[in-house]
C-alpha atoms as a PDB file:
ATOM      1  CA  MET A   1       0.000   0.000   0.000  1.00  0.00           C
ATOM      2  CA  THR A   2       1.951   3.042   1.371  1.00  0.00           C
ATOM      3  CA  ASP A   3       0.129   5.583  -0.845  1.00  0.00           C
ATOM      4  CA  VAL A   4      -1.586   7.083   2.195  1.00  0.00           C
ATOM      5  CA  ASP A   5      -4.389   9.523   1.482  1.00  0.00           C
ATOM      6  CA  GLU A   6      -3.352  12.758   3.229  1.00  0.00           C
ATOM      7  CA  ALA A   7      -7.005  13.582   3.843  1.00  0.00           C
ATOM      8  CA  ALA A   8      -7.326  10.315   5.777  1.00  0.00           C
ATOM      9  CA  VAL A   9      -4.369  11.115   8.063  1.00  0.00           C
ATOM     10  CA  PRO A  10      -5.651  12.404  11.428  1.00  0.00           C
ATOM     11  CA  PRO A  11      -4.319  15.714  12.862  1.00  0.00           C
ATOM     12  CA  TRP A  12      -2.579  13.921  15.739  1.00  0.00           C
ATOM     13  CA  ALA A  13      -0.408  11.946  13.287  1.00  0.00           C
ATOM     14  CA  ARG A  14       1.966  14.911  13.051  1.00  0.00           C
ATOM     15  CA  ARG A  15       2.484  14.711  16.806  1.00  0.00           C
ATOM     16  CA  THR A  16       2.980  10.956  16.923  1.00  0.00           C
ATOM     17  CA  THR A  17       6.309   9.336  17.697  1.00  0.00           C
ATOM     18  CA  PHE A  18       7.162   5.653  17.213  1.00  0.00           C
ATOM     19  CA  VAL A  19       9.846   4.453  19.639  1.00  0.00           C
ATOM     20  CA  VAL A  20      12.016   1.448  18.777  1.00  0.00           C
ATOM     21  CA  TRP A  21      14.900   0.342  20.992  1.00  0.00           C
ATOM     22  CA  SER A  22      16.781  -1.577  18.310  1.00  0.00           C
ATOM     23  CA  PRO A  23      18.527  -1.015  14.963  1.00  0.00           C
ATOM     24  CA  ARG A  24      16.252  -0.338  12.024  1.00  0.00           C
ATOM     25  CA  TYR A  25      16.709  -3.799  10.515  1.00  0.00           C
ATOM     26  CA  LYS A  26      15.096  -5.227  13.660  1.00  0.00           C
ATOM     27  CA  GLY A  27      12.211  -2.759  13.486  1.00  0.00           C
ATOM     28  CA  THR A  28      10.958  -3.163   9.932  1.00  0.00           C
ATOM     29  CA  ARG A  29       7.401  -3.958  11.063  1.00  0.00           C
ATOM     30  CA  SER A  30       7.399  -0.704  13.031  1.00  0.00           C
ATOM     31  CA  ALA A  31       8.627   1.206   9.977  1.00  0.00           C
ATOM     32  CA  TRP A  32       5.849  -0.291   7.860  1.00  0.00           C
ATOM     33  CA  LEU A  33       3.228   0.445  10.505  1.00  0.00           C
ATOM     34  CA  ALA A  34       4.357   4.064  10.761  1.00  0.00           C
ATOM     35  CA  ALA A  35       4.341   4.529   6.988  1.00  0.00           C
ATOM     36  CA  GLU A  36       0.904   3.000   6.564  1.00  0.00           C
ATOM     37  CA  LEU A  37      -0.594   5.113   9.360  1.00  0.00           C
ATOM     38  CA  GLY A  38       0.848   8.299   7.903  1.00  0.00           C
ATOM     39  CA  ILE A  39       3.124   9.039  10.848  1.00  0.00           C
ATOM     40  CA  ARG A  40       6.817   9.863  10.782  1.00  0.00           C
ATOM     41  CA  GLU A  41       9.651   7.348  10.580  1.00  0.00           C
ATOM     42  CA  PRO A  42      10.254   5.643  13.953  1.00  0.00           C
ATOM     43  CA  LEU A  43      13.015   6.849  16.246  1.00  0.00           C
ATOM     44  CA  TYR A  44      15.571   4.051  16.657  1.00  0.00           C
ATOM     45  CA  PHE A  45      17.445   4.124  19.949  1.00  0.00           C
ATOM     46  CA  ALA A  46      20.385   1.746  19.646  1.00  0.00           C
ATOM     47  CA  PRO A  47      23.303   3.619  21.242  1.00  0.00           C
ATOM     48  CA  THR A  48      25.653   0.667  21.575  1.00  0.00           C
ATOM     49  CA  ALA A  49      26.636  -2.336  19.511  1.00  0.00           C
ATOM     50  CA  ARG A  50      26.810  -4.466  22.641  1.00  0.00           C
ATOM     51  CA  ARG A  51      23.959  -6.931  22.972  1.00  0.00           C
ATOM     52  CA  GLY A  52      22.563  -9.235  25.615  1.00  0.00           C
ATOM     53  CA  MET A  53      21.543  -8.861  29.228  1.00  0.00           C
ATOM     54  CA  ARG A  54      25.075  -8.014  30.381  1.00  0.00           C
ATOM     55  CA  ALA A  55      24.949  -4.823  28.323  1.00  0.00           C
ATOM     56  CA  ALA A  56      21.478  -3.860  29.576  1.00  0.00           C
ATOM     57  CA  PRO A  57      22.590  -1.912  32.688  1.00  0.00           C
ATOM     58  CA  LEU A  58      24.728   0.305  30.453  1.00  0.00           C
ATOM     59  CA  LYS A  59      22.495   0.882  27.458  1.00  0.00           C
ATOM     60  CA  TYR A  60      18.931   0.898  28.826  1.00  0.00           C
ATOM     61  CA  PRO A  61      19.306   3.937  31.129  1.00  0.00           C
ATOM     62  CA  ARG A  62      20.824   5.916  28.249  1.00  0.00           C
ATOM     63  CA  GLN A  63      18.055   4.787  25.896  1.00  0.00           C
ATOM     64  CA  ALA A  64      15.421   5.757  28.462  1.00  0.00           C
ATOM     65  CA  ILE A  65      16.844   9.248  28.925  1.00  0.00           C
ATOM     66  CA  ALA A  66      17.241   9.771  25.171  1.00  0.00           C
ATOM     67  CA  THR A  67      13.668   8.586  24.610  1.00  0.00           C
ATOM     68  CA  LEU A  68      12.132  10.891  27.205  1.00  0.00           C
ATOM     69  CA  LEU A  69      14.094  13.864  25.884  1.00  0.00           C
ATOM     70  CA  ALA A  70      13.062  13.148  22.278  1.00  0.00           C
ATOM     71  CA  LEU A  71       9.390  12.709  23.184  1.00  0.00           C
ATOM     72  CA  GLY A  72       9.490  15.942  25.164  1.00  0.00           C
ATOM     73  CA  ARG A  73      11.084  17.881  22.303  1.00  0.00           C
ATOM     74  CA  GLN A  74       8.497  16.585  19.866  1.00  0.00           C
ATOM     75  CA  ARG A  75       5.640  17.151  22.346  1.00  0.00           C
ATOM     76  CA  ALA A  76       4.265  13.798  21.262  1.00  0.00           C
ATOM     77  CA  ALA A  77       0.515  13.461  21.744  1.00  0.00           C
ATOM     78  CA  VAL A  78       0.596   9.791  20.706  1.00  0.00           C
ATOM     79  CA  VAL A  79       3.416   7.339  21.383  1.00  0.00           C
ATOM     80  CA  PHE A  80       3.799   3.998  19.653  1.00  0.00           C
ATOM     81  CA  VAL A  81       6.428   1.697  21.134  1.00  0.00           C
ATOM     82  CA  GLN A  82       7.820  -1.608  19.902  1.00  0.00           C
ATOM     83  CA  SER A  83       7.975  -4.375  22.491  1.00  0.00           C
ATOM     84  CA  PRO A  84      10.293  -5.989  23.455  1.00  0.00           C
ATOM     85  CA  PRO A  85      12.271  -4.733  25.217  1.00  0.00           C
ATOM     86  CA  SER A  86       9.887  -4.165  28.082  1.00  0.00           C
ATOM     87  CA  PHE A  87      12.124  -1.319  29.306  1.00  0.00           C
ATOM     88  CA  ALA A  88      11.087   0.633  26.209  1.00  0.00           C
ATOM     89  CA  THR A  89       7.385   0.190  26.968  1.00  0.00           C
ATOM     90  CA  TRP A  90       7.900   1.294  30.582  1.00  0.00           C
ATOM     91  CA  THR A  91       9.689   4.424  29.417  1.00  0.00           C
ATOM     92  CA  ALA A  92       7.025   5.253  26.822  1.00  0.00           C
ATOM     93  CA  ALA A  93       4.293   4.656  29.405  1.00  0.00           C
ATOM     94  CA  LEU A  94       6.014   7.008  31.863  1.00  0.00           C
ATOM     95  CA  TYR A  95       6.031   9.777  29.251  1.00  0.00           C
ATOM     96  CA  ALA A  96       2.404   9.052  28.334  1.00  0.00           C
ATOM     97  CA  VAL A  97       1.335   9.495  31.958  1.00  0.00           C
ATOM     98  CA  MET A  98       3.298  12.725  32.405  1.00  0.00           C
ATOM     99  CA  ALA A  99       2.176  14.255  29.087  1.00  0.00           C
ATOM    100  CA  ARG A 100      -1.395  12.853  29.000  1.00  0.00           C
ATOM    101  CA  ALA A 101      -0.484  11.191  25.725  1.00  0.00           C
ATOM    102  CA  ALA A 102      -2.076   8.170  24.095  1.00  0.00           C
ATOM    103  CA  LEU A 103       0.067   5.028  24.225  1.00  0.00           C
ATOM    104  CA  VAL A 104       0.036   2.157  21.719  1.00  0.00           C
ATOM    105  CA  VAL A 105       2.215  -0.919  22.253  1.00  0.00           C
ATOM    106  CA  ASP A 106       3.235  -2.927  19.185  1.00  0.00           C
ATOM    107  CA  ALA A 107       3.970  -6.255  20.880  1.00  0.00           C
ATOM    108  CA  HIS A 108       5.883  -8.975  19.065  1.00  0.00           C
ATOM    109  CA  SER A 109       5.495 -12.575  20.229  1.00  0.00           C
ATOM    110  CA  ASP A 110       8.836 -12.464  22.056  1.00  0.00           C
ATOM    111  CA  ALA A 111       7.338  -9.929  24.460  1.00  0.00           C
ATOM    112  CA  PHE A 112       5.057 -12.661  25.821  1.00  0.00           C
ATOM    113  CA  GLU A 113       7.313 -15.702  25.439  1.00  0.00           C
ATOM    114  CA  ARG A 114      10.714 -14.720  26.760  1.00  0.00           C
ATOM    115  CA  GLY A 115      10.784 -14.789  30.528  1.00  0.00           C
ATOM    116  CA  PHE A 116      13.043 -11.774  30.905  1.00  0.00           C
ATOM    117  CA  TRP A 117      10.546  -9.520  29.109  1.00  0.00           C
ATOM    118  CA  THR A 118       7.530 -10.803  31.050  1.00  0.00           C
ATOM    119  CA  ARG A 119       8.855  -9.791  34.483  1.00  0.00           C
ATOM    120  CA  PRO A 120       7.704  -8.090  36.612  1.00  0.00           C
ATOM    121  CA  GLY A 121       4.233  -9.122  35.558  1.00  0.00           C
ATOM    122  CA  TRP A 122       2.471  -6.434  37.585  1.00  0.00           C
ATOM    123  CA  LEU A 123       4.367  -3.631  35.834  1.00  0.00           C
ATOM    124  CA  ASN A 124       3.747  -5.020  32.344  1.00  0.00           C
ATOM    125  CA  ALA A 125       0.069  -5.424  33.183  1.00  0.00           C
ATOM    126  CA  LEU A 126      -0.058  -1.822  34.398  1.00  0.00           C
ATOM    127  CA  VAL A 127       1.409  -0.621  31.086  1.00  0.00           C
ATOM    128  CA  VAL A 128      -1.008  -2.751  29.067  1.00  0.00           C
ATOM    129  CA  ARG A 129      -3.966  -1.345  30.987  1.00  0.00           C
ATOM    130  CA  ARG A 130      -2.692   2.239  30.519  1.00  0.00           C
ATOM    131  CA  ALA A 131      -2.245   1.751  26.772  1.00  0.00           C
ATOM    132  CA  SER A 132      -5.032   2.709  24.400  1.00  0.00           C
ATOM    133  CA  PHE A 133      -4.507  -0.805  23.044  1.00  0.00           C
ATOM    134  CA  THR A 134      -1.787  -3.320  22.312  1.00  0.00           C
ATOM    135  CA  ILE A 135      -1.210  -4.479  18.744  1.00  0.00           C
ATOM    136  CA  VAL A 136      -0.530  -8.222  18.652  1.00  0.00           C
ATOM    137  CA  THR A 137       0.160 -10.697  15.847  1.00  0.00           C
ATOM    138  CA  GLY A 138      -2.455 -13.322  16.729  1.00  0.00           C
ATOM    139  CA  HIS A 139      -5.556 -14.153  18.753  1.00  0.00           C
ATOM    140  CA  HIS A 140      -3.563 -16.203  21.248  1.00  0.00           C
ATOM    141  CA  TRP A 141      -1.669 -13.080  22.317  1.00  0.00           C
ATOM    142  CA  ALA A 142      -4.881 -11.033  22.238  1.00  0.00           C
ATOM    143  CA  GLU A 143      -6.240 -13.367  24.927  1.00  0.00           C
ATOM    144  CA  THR A 144      -3.046 -12.836  26.930  1.00  0.00           C
ATOM    145  CA  VAL A 145      -3.501  -9.066  26.755  1.00  0.00           C
ATOM    146  CA  ALA A 146      -7.154  -9.380  27.766  1.00  0.00           C
ATOM    147  CA  ALA A 147      -6.155 -11.489  30.777  1.00  0.00           C
ATOM    148  CA  MET A 148      -3.829  -8.628  31.825  1.00  0.00           C
ATOM    149  CA  GLY A 149      -6.765  -6.216  31.706  1.00  0.00           C
ATOM    150  CA  GLY A 150      -5.859  -4.551  28.415  1.00  0.00           C
ATOM    151  CA  ARG A 151      -7.375  -4.221  24.970  1.00  0.00           C
ATOM    152  CA  ALA A 152      -5.768  -5.848  21.927  1.00  0.00           C
ATOM    153  CA  VAL A 153      -5.974  -5.230  18.202  1.00  0.00           C
ATOM    154  CA  VAL A 154      -4.849  -8.209  16.101  1.00  0.00           C
ATOM    155  CA  VAL A 155      -2.623  -7.209  13.175  1.00  0.00           C
ATOM    156  CA  PRO A 156      -0.641 -10.251  11.980  1.00  0.00           C
ATOM    157  CA  ALA A 157       1.267  -8.235   9.368  1.00  0.00           C
ATOM    158  CA  VAL A 158       1.222  -4.828   7.681  1.00  0.00           C
ATOM    159  CA  PRO A 159       1.030  -4.876   3.857  1.00  0.00           C
ATOM    160  CA  THR A 160       3.357  -2.282   2.381  1.00  0.00           C
ATOM    161  CA  GLU A 161       5.456  -1.448  -0.647  1.00  0.00           C
ATOM    162  CA  LEU A 162       9.090  -2.542  -0.437  1.00  0.00           C
ATOM    163  CA  VAL A 163      12.124  -1.151  -2.230  1.00  0.00           C
ATOM    164  CA  VAL A 164      13.539  -3.876  -4.462  1.00  0.00           C
ATOM    165  CA  GLY A 165      17.158  -3.891  -5.620  1.00  0.00           C
ATOM    166  CA  ASP A 166      19.318  -6.361  -7.496  1.00  0.00           C
ATOM    167  CA  PRO A 167      19.496  -9.821  -5.891  1.00  0.00           C
ATOM    168  CA  PRO A 168      22.659 -11.830  -5.229  1.00  0.00           C
ATOM    169  CA  PRO A 169      23.728 -14.088  -8.155  1.00  0.00           C
ATOM    170  CA  MET A 170      21.039 -16.686  -8.892  1.00  0.00           C
ATOM    171  CA  THR A 171      20.705 -19.496 -11.437  1.00  0.00           C
ATOM    172  CA  GLY A 172      18.287 -22.396 -11.718  1.00  0.00           C
ATOM    173  CA  PHE A 173      15.589 -22.861  -9.075  1.00  0.00           C
ATOM    174  CA  ASN A 174      16.188 -20.789  -5.950  1.00  0.00           C
ATOM    175  CA  VAL A 175      14.734 -20.811  -2.442  1.00  0.00           C
ATOM    176  CA  ALA A 176      15.363 -17.817  -0.177  1.00  0.00           C
ATOM    177  CA  VAL A 177      15.501 -19.044   3.429  1.00  0.00           C
ATOM    178  CA  VAL A 178      14.864 -16.118   5.778  1.00  0.00           C
ATOM    179  CA  THR A 179      16.714 -16.716   9.021  1.00  0.00           C
ATOM    180  CA  THR A 180      18.219 -14.794  11.896  1.00  0.00           C
ATOM    181  CA  TRP A 181      19.956 -17.971  13.073  1.00  0.00           C
ATOM    182  CA  ALA A 182      17.798 -17.970  16.191  1.00  0.00           C
ATOM    183  CA  SER A 183      17.283 -21.055  18.353  1.00  0.00           C
ATOM    184  CA  ASP A 184      13.743 -21.629  17.041  1.00  0.00           C
ATOM    185  CA  GLU A 185      14.853 -21.924  13.395  1.00  0.00           C
ATOM    186  CA  PRO A 186      15.462 -25.540  12.257  1.00  0.00           C
ATOM    187  CA  VAL A 187      18.595 -24.792  10.226  1.00  0.00           C
ATOM    188  CA  GLU A 188      19.883 -28.366  10.444  1.00  0.00           C
ATOM    189  CA  ALA A 189      16.651 -29.651   8.864  1.00  0.00           C
ATOM    190  CA  VAL A 190      17.064 -27.112   6.033  1.00  0.00           C
ATOM    191  CA  PHE A 191      20.608 -28.380   5.386  1.00  0.00           C
ATOM    192  CA  GLU A 192      19.366 -31.974   5.273  1.00  0.00           C
ATOM    193  CA  ALA A 193      16.497 -30.995   2.963  1.00  0.00           C
ATOM    194  CA  ALA A 194      18.989 -29.288   0.642  1.00  0.00           C
ATOM    195  CA  ARG A 195      20.847 -32.588   0.309  1.00  0.00           C
ATOM    196  CA  LEU A 196      17.597 -34.235  -0.768  1.00  0.00           C
ATOM    197  CA  VAL A 197      17.010 -31.709  -3.588  1.00  0.00           C
ATOM    198  CA  PRO A 198      20.531 -31.094  -4.950  1.00  0.00           C
ATOM    199  CA  ASP A 199      19.290 -29.287  -8.073  1.00  0.00           C
ATOM    200  CA  VAL A 200      17.818 -26.441  -5.992  1.00  0.00           C
ATOM    201  CA  THR A 201      19.896 -23.613  -4.496  1.00  0.00           C
ATOM    202  CA  PHE A 202      19.079 -22.509  -0.938  1.00  0.00           C
ATOM    203  CA  HIS A 203      20.066 -18.935   0.027  1.00  0.00           C
ATOM    204  CA  LEU A 204      20.195 -18.528   3.835  1.00  0.00           C
ATOM    205  CA  THR A 205      20.084 -14.885   4.933  1.00  0.00           C
ATOM    206  CA  GLY A 206      21.380 -13.179   8.056  1.00  0.00           C
ATOM    207  CA  ARG A 207      24.605 -13.169  10.005  1.00  0.00           C
ATOM    208  CA  ALA A 208      25.333 -16.815  10.733  1.00  0.00           C
ATOM    209  CA  LYS A 209      25.737 -17.492  14.455  1.00  0.00           C
ATOM    210  CA  ASN A 210      28.030 -20.268  15.699  1.00  0.00           C
ATOM    211  CA  ILE A 211      28.546 -21.363  12.112  1.00  0.00           C
ATOM    212  CA  GLU A 212      31.592 -23.358  13.176  1.00  0.00           C
ATOM    213  CA  ARG A 213      29.294 -26.043  14.594  1.00  0.00           C
ATOM    214  CA  PHE A 214      28.220 -26.818  11.040  1.00  0.00           C
ATOM    215  CA  ALA A 215      31.774 -27.244   9.755  1.00  0.00           C
ATOM    216  CA  GLY A 216      31.783 -29.775   6.933  1.00  0.00           C
ATOM    217  CA  GLN A 217      27.966 -30.150   7.101  1.00  0.00           C
ATOM    218  CA  ILE A 218      26.803 -27.360   4.778  1.00  0.00           C
ATOM    219  CA  PRO A 219      25.685 -28.831   1.414  1.00  0.00           C
ATOM    220  CA  VAL A 220      27.211 -27.461  -1.783  1.00  0.00           C
ATOM    221  CA  ASN A 221      23.806 -26.116  -2.900  1.00  0.00           C
ATOM    222  CA  VAL A 222      23.474 -23.883   0.186  1.00  0.00           C
ATOM    223  CA  ARG A 223      24.604 -20.256  -0.027  1.00  0.00           C
ATOM    224  CA  LEU A 224      25.096 -18.175   3.116  1.00  0.00           C
ATOM    225  CA  THR A 225      24.321 -14.610   2.043  1.00  0.00           C
ATOM    226  CA  GLY A 226      25.347 -12.876   5.254  1.00  0.00           C
ATOM    227  CA  PHE A 227      23.585  -9.654   6.192  1.00  0.00           C
ATOM    228  CA  LEU A 228      21.982  -7.963   3.158  1.00  0.00           C
ATOM    229  CA  ASP A 229      20.866  -4.356   2.885  1.00  0.00           C
ATOM    230  CA  GLU A 230      17.123  -3.933   2.451  1.00  0.00           C
ATOM    231  CA  PRO A 231      16.987  -3.460  -1.356  1.00  0.00           C
ATOM    232  CA  THR A 232      19.276  -6.469  -1.963  1.00  0.00           C
ATOM    233  CA  TYR A 233      17.353  -8.586   0.549  1.00  0.00           C
ATOM    234  CA  ASN A 234      14.037  -7.631  -1.053  1.00  0.00           C
ATOM    235  CA  GLY A 235      15.550  -8.389  -4.458  1.00  0.00           C
ATOM    236  CA  LEU A 236      16.448 -11.886  -3.265  1.00  0.00           C
ATOM    237  CA  LEU A 237      12.905 -12.518  -2.022  1.00  0.00           C
ATOM    238  CA  THR A 238      11.388 -11.107  -5.208  1.00  0.00           C
ATOM    239  CA  HIS A 239      13.503 -13.098  -7.660  1.00  0.00           C
ATOM    240  CA  ALA A 240      13.540 -16.343  -5.676  1.00  0.00           C
ATOM    241  CA  ASP A 241      11.155 -19.083  -6.775  1.00  0.00           C
ATOM    242  CA  ALA A 242      10.032 -19.568  -3.164  1.00  0.00           C
ATOM    243  CA  VAL A 243      10.636 -17.990   0.232  1.00  0.00           C
ATOM    244  CA  MET A 244      11.090 -20.289   3.236  1.00  0.00           C
ATOM    245  CA  CYS A 245      10.426 -19.136   6.817  1.00  0.00           C
ATOM    246  CA  LEU A 246      10.433 -21.788   9.549  1.00  0.00           C
ATOM    247  CA  THR A 247      10.005 -21.754  13.313  1.00  0.00           C
ATOM    248  CA  THR A 248       9.679 -24.425  15.979  1.00  0.00           C
ATOM    249  CA  ARG A 249       7.668 -22.052  18.212  1.00  0.00           C
ATOM    250  CA  ASP A 250       3.889 -21.914  18.077  1.00  0.00           C
ATOM    251  CA  HIS A 251       2.082 -18.539  17.899  1.00  0.00           C
ATOM    252  CA  THR A 252       5.084 -16.926  16.159  1.00  0.00           C
ATOM    253  CA  MET A 253       4.379 -14.749  13.127  1.00  0.00           C
ATOM    254  CA  GLN A 254       6.897 -14.951  10.281  1.00  0.00           C
ATOM    255  CA  ASN A 255       7.789 -11.470   9.053  1.00  0.00           C
ATOM    256  CA  GLY A 256       9.814 -12.856   6.154  1.00  0.00           C
ATOM    257  CA  ALA A 257       6.802 -14.796   4.903  1.00  0.00           C
ATOM    258  CA  ALA A 258       4.736 -11.593   5.087  1.00  0.00           C
ATOM    259  CA  GLU A 259       7.398  -9.844   3.009  1.00  0.00           C
ATOM    260  CA  ALA A 260       7.096 -12.645   0.459  1.00  0.00           C
ATOM    261  CA  VAL A 261       3.351 -11.985   0.205  1.00  0.00           C
ATOM    262  CA  TYR A 262       3.937  -8.290  -0.453  1.00  0.00           C
ATOM    263  CA  LEU A 263       6.525  -9.170  -3.116  1.00  0.00           C
ATOM    264  CA  GLY A 264       4.361 -11.856  -4.741  1.00  0.00           C
ATOM    265  CA  THR A 265       6.605 -14.857  -4.063  1.00  0.00           C
ATOM    266  CA  PRO A 266       5.293 -18.314  -2.983  1.00  0.00           C
ATOM    267  CA  ILE A 267       5.967 -19.408   0.589  1.00  0.00           C
ATOM    268  CA  ILE A 268       7.074 -22.478   2.526  1.00  0.00           C
ATOM    269  CA  THR A 269       6.473 -22.064   6.245  1.00  0.00           C
ATOM    270  CA  SER A 270       5.818 -24.054   9.403  1.00  0.00           C
ATOM    271  CA  ASP A 271       2.536 -25.769  10.166  1.00  0.00           C
ATOM    272  CA  TRP A 272       1.282 -23.658  13.054  1.00  0.00           C
ATOM    273  CA  GLY A 273      -2.231 -22.244  13.370  1.00  0.00           C
ATOM    274  CA  ILE A 274      -1.240 -18.577  13.165  1.00  0.00           C
ATOM    275  CA  LEU A 275       0.693 -19.283   9.953  1.00  0.00           C
ATOM    276  CA  ARG A 276      -2.036 -21.448   8.412  1.00  0.00           C
ATOM    277  CA  ASP A 277      -4.584 -18.715   9.078  1.00  0.00           C
ATOM    278  CA  TYR A 278      -2.624 -15.820   7.606  1.00  0.00           C
ATOM    279  CA  PHE A 279      -0.756 -17.627   4.807  1.00  0.00           C
ATOM    280  CA  SER A 280      -3.779 -19.480   3.518  1.00  0.00           C
ATOM    281  CA  ARG A 281      -2.932 -19.404  -0.203  1.00  0.00           C
ATOM    282  CA  GLY A 282       0.219 -19.675  -2.279  1.00  0.00           C
ATOM    283  CA  THR A 283       1.829 -21.438   0.673  1.00  0.00           C
ATOM    284  CA  ILE A 284       2.937 -24.932   1.687  1.00  0.00           C
ATOM    285  CA  HIS A 285       2.972 -25.627   5.425  1.00  0.00           C
ATOM    286  CA  VAL A 286       5.483 -28.173   6.742  1.00  0.00           C
ATOM    287  CA  ASP A 287       6.254 -29.943  10.026  1.00  0.00           C
ATOM    288  CA  ASN A 288       9.873 -28.680  10.028  1.00  0.00           C
ATOM    289  CA  SER A 289      11.298 -32.115   9.151  1.00  0.00           C
ATOM    290  CA  ALA A 290      13.865 -32.401   6.350  1.00  0.00           C
ATOM    291  CA  GLU A 291      11.618 -34.761   4.390  1.00  0.00           C
ATOM    292  CA  ALA A 292       8.627 -32.398   4.556  1.00  0.00           C
ATOM    293  CA  ILE A 293      10.767 -29.407   3.592  1.00  0.00           C
ATOM    294  CA  ALA A 294      12.271 -31.258   0.610  1.00  0.00           C
ATOM    295  CA  SER A 295       8.803 -32.425  -0.482  1.00  0.00           C
ATOM    296  CA  ALA A 296       7.505 -28.846  -0.327  1.00  0.00           C
ATOM    297  CA  VAL A 297      10.396 -27.627  -2.478  1.00  0.00           C
ATOM    298  CA  ARG A 298       9.669 -30.323  -5.067  1.00  0.00           C
ATOM    299  CA  ARG A 299       6.013 -29.205  -5.169  1.00  0.00           C
ATOM    300  CA  MET A 300       7.173 -25.639  -5.741  1.00  0.00           C
ATOM    301  CA  VAL A 301       9.398 -26.787  -8.601  1.00  0.00           C
ATOM    302  CA  GLU A 302       6.478 -28.611 -10.199  1.00  0.00           C
ATOM    303  CA  ASN A 303       3.747 -25.997  -9.624  1.00  0.00           C
ATOM    304  CA  GLY A 304       5.548 -22.673  -9.205  1.00  0.00           C
ATOM    305  CA  PRO A 305       3.332 -20.538 -11.485  1.00  0.00           C
ATOM    306  CA  SER A 306       0.184 -21.756  -9.737  1.00  0.00           C
ATOM    307  CA  PHE A 307       1.553 -20.932  -6.284  1.00  0.00           C
ATOM    308  CA  ARG A 308       2.714 -17.522  -7.485  1.00  0.00           C
ATOM    309  CA  ALA A 309      -0.755 -16.668  -8.804  1.00  0.00           C
ATOM    310  CA  GLU A 310      -2.282 -17.731  -5.480  1.00  0.00           C
ATOM    311  CA  VAL A 311       0.074 -15.627  -3.373  1.00  0.00           C
ATOM    312  CA  ARG A 312      -0.693 -12.552  -5.466  1.00  0.00           C
ATOM    313  CA  ALA A 313      -4.389 -13.092  -4.827  1.00  0.00           C
ATOM    314  CA  LEU A 314      -3.557 -13.464  -1.131  1.00  0.00           C
ATOM    315  CA  ARG A 315      -1.781 -10.113  -1.184  1.00  0.00           C
ATOM    316  CA  ALA A 316      -4.905  -8.380  -2.508  1.00  0.00           C
ATOM    317  CA  GLU A 317      -6.916 -10.012   0.267  1.00  0.00           C
ATOM    318  CA  LYS A 318      -4.467  -8.873   2.961  1.00  0.00           C
ATOM    319  CA  VAL A 319      -4.392  -5.304   1.642  1.00  0.00           C
ATOM    320  CA  GLU A 320      -8.168  -5.124   2.022  1.00  0.00           C
ATOM    321  CA  ARG A 321      -7.966  -6.608   5.533  1.00  0.00           C
ATOM    322  CA  TRP A 322      -5.355  -4.012   6.463  1.00  0.00           C
ATOM    323  CA  ARG A 323      -7.744  -1.193   5.527  1.00  0.00           C
ATOM    324  CA  LEU A 324     -10.087  -2.448   8.255  1.00  0.00           C
ATOM    325  CA  ASP A 325      -7.262  -2.907  10.773  1.00  0.00           C
ATOM    326  CA  ARG A 326      -5.957   0.586  10.033  1.00  0.00           C
ATOM    327  CA  ALA A 327      -9.381   2.109  10.562  1.00  0.00           C
ATOM    328  CA  ALA A 328      -9.701   0.305  13.914  1.00  0.00           C
ATOM    329  CA  ILE A 329      -6.303   1.599  15.068  1.00  0.00           C
ATOM    330  CA  LEU A 330      -7.070   5.200  14.102  1.00  0.00           C
ATOM    331  CA  ALA A 331     -10.518   5.088  15.706  1.00  0.00           C
ATOM    332  CA  GLY A 332      -9.083   3.668  18.925  1.00  0.00           C
ATOM    333  CA  ILE A 333      -6.508   6.445  19.213  1.00  0.00           C
ATOM    334  CA  ASP A 334      -9.111   9.123  18.447  1.00  0.00           C
ATOM    335  CA  ALA A 335     -11.318   7.774  21.234  1.00  0.00           C
ATOM    336  CA  GLN A 336      -8.452   7.661  23.737  1.00  0.00           C
ATOM    337  CA  LEU A 337      -7.347  11.224  22.958  1.00  0.00           C
ATOM    338  CA  ARG A 338     -10.876  12.501  23.548  1.00  0.00           C
ATOM    339  CA  VAL A 339     -10.636  11.022  27.045  1.00  0.00           C
ATOM    340  CA  LEU A 340      -7.075  12.175  27.782  1.00  0.00           C
ATOM    341  CA  ARG A 341      -7.350  15.597  26.165  1.00  0.00           C
ATOM    342  CA  PRO A 342     -10.995  16.687  26.172  1.00  0.00           C
ATOM    343  CA  ALA A 343     -11.940  19.667  24.057  1.00  0.00           C
ATOM    344  CA  PRO A 344     -12.228  23.060  25.852  1.00  0.00           C
ATOM    345  CA  GLY A 345     -15.450  23.273  27.795  1.00  0.00           C
ATOM    346  CA  ARG A 346     -15.720  19.508  28.200  1.00  0.00           C
ATOM    347  CA  GLY A 347     -14.612  17.398  31.079  1.00  0.00           C
ATOM    348  CA  ARG A 348     -12.639  18.949  33.925  1.00  0.00           C
END
């Protein structure tokens, strides 16, 4: 989408700030959400390259101070915040209370699954209740938010236009495997599947973590792309014959598969309910075993044009669904602002 009708952009959009405590490449959903709502590019607060909990005591206080100062300078009337980390949501909520601003939390599944981000439960519940609503990727997490006393809006993915550049070198039949090399991604099964379909090239994206453990095990038809800039990455997904996004965790949305929908490329993804519901066409769902992955690739080789036509129809369906989701988000913020900032002569 992205061609936002200026007349449909509410007045408060110009005083809306989207806070993301991570580098931009880890906040692409937030960037899409901001663009599609007609608000400015998110503010990315990533002051240090150090990662992990050991770095938290050093970076989080600085991020909190920088966030509060930026929100104050911009006199934000509405604050969106990406979660996790929970420290970012606490900081945004503090500003919202002080400035009588509307708060919207864009919660990824990790915010509910990783123990570190779920503690202390009372404080997270307080933030959720203070928020106008929390955007979640599936109904399972909407129930979690409701149990905390908050209101949820389910937005599995945000259809948008992506900048497409030239892909890495590609010949023959190609599968782009979107991975961050996280613990829930069955990389070993992908390697074994690649051995079963030697005529297909598998392009694994992202900075490979602990790659030394796979020494001598990576098939010759597997290419490790390393980190790609956005246009090159989008070019890979566009020109690939299929995009593969796998996870061993239930209730986990696959952003890479959503990108494939927007780019019109068929998908192979895991057989979880949230993924079956959203990727209902142009997609093969697998049980994460090497045999199932290899079988799905063979089906793509045999019926690629049919899958591609289906995924393009799916994109049109998701664009229309997003129009409804967008309207619900805007209406919810309007209603909250009327409560927080009543017009002169109304309220106290």
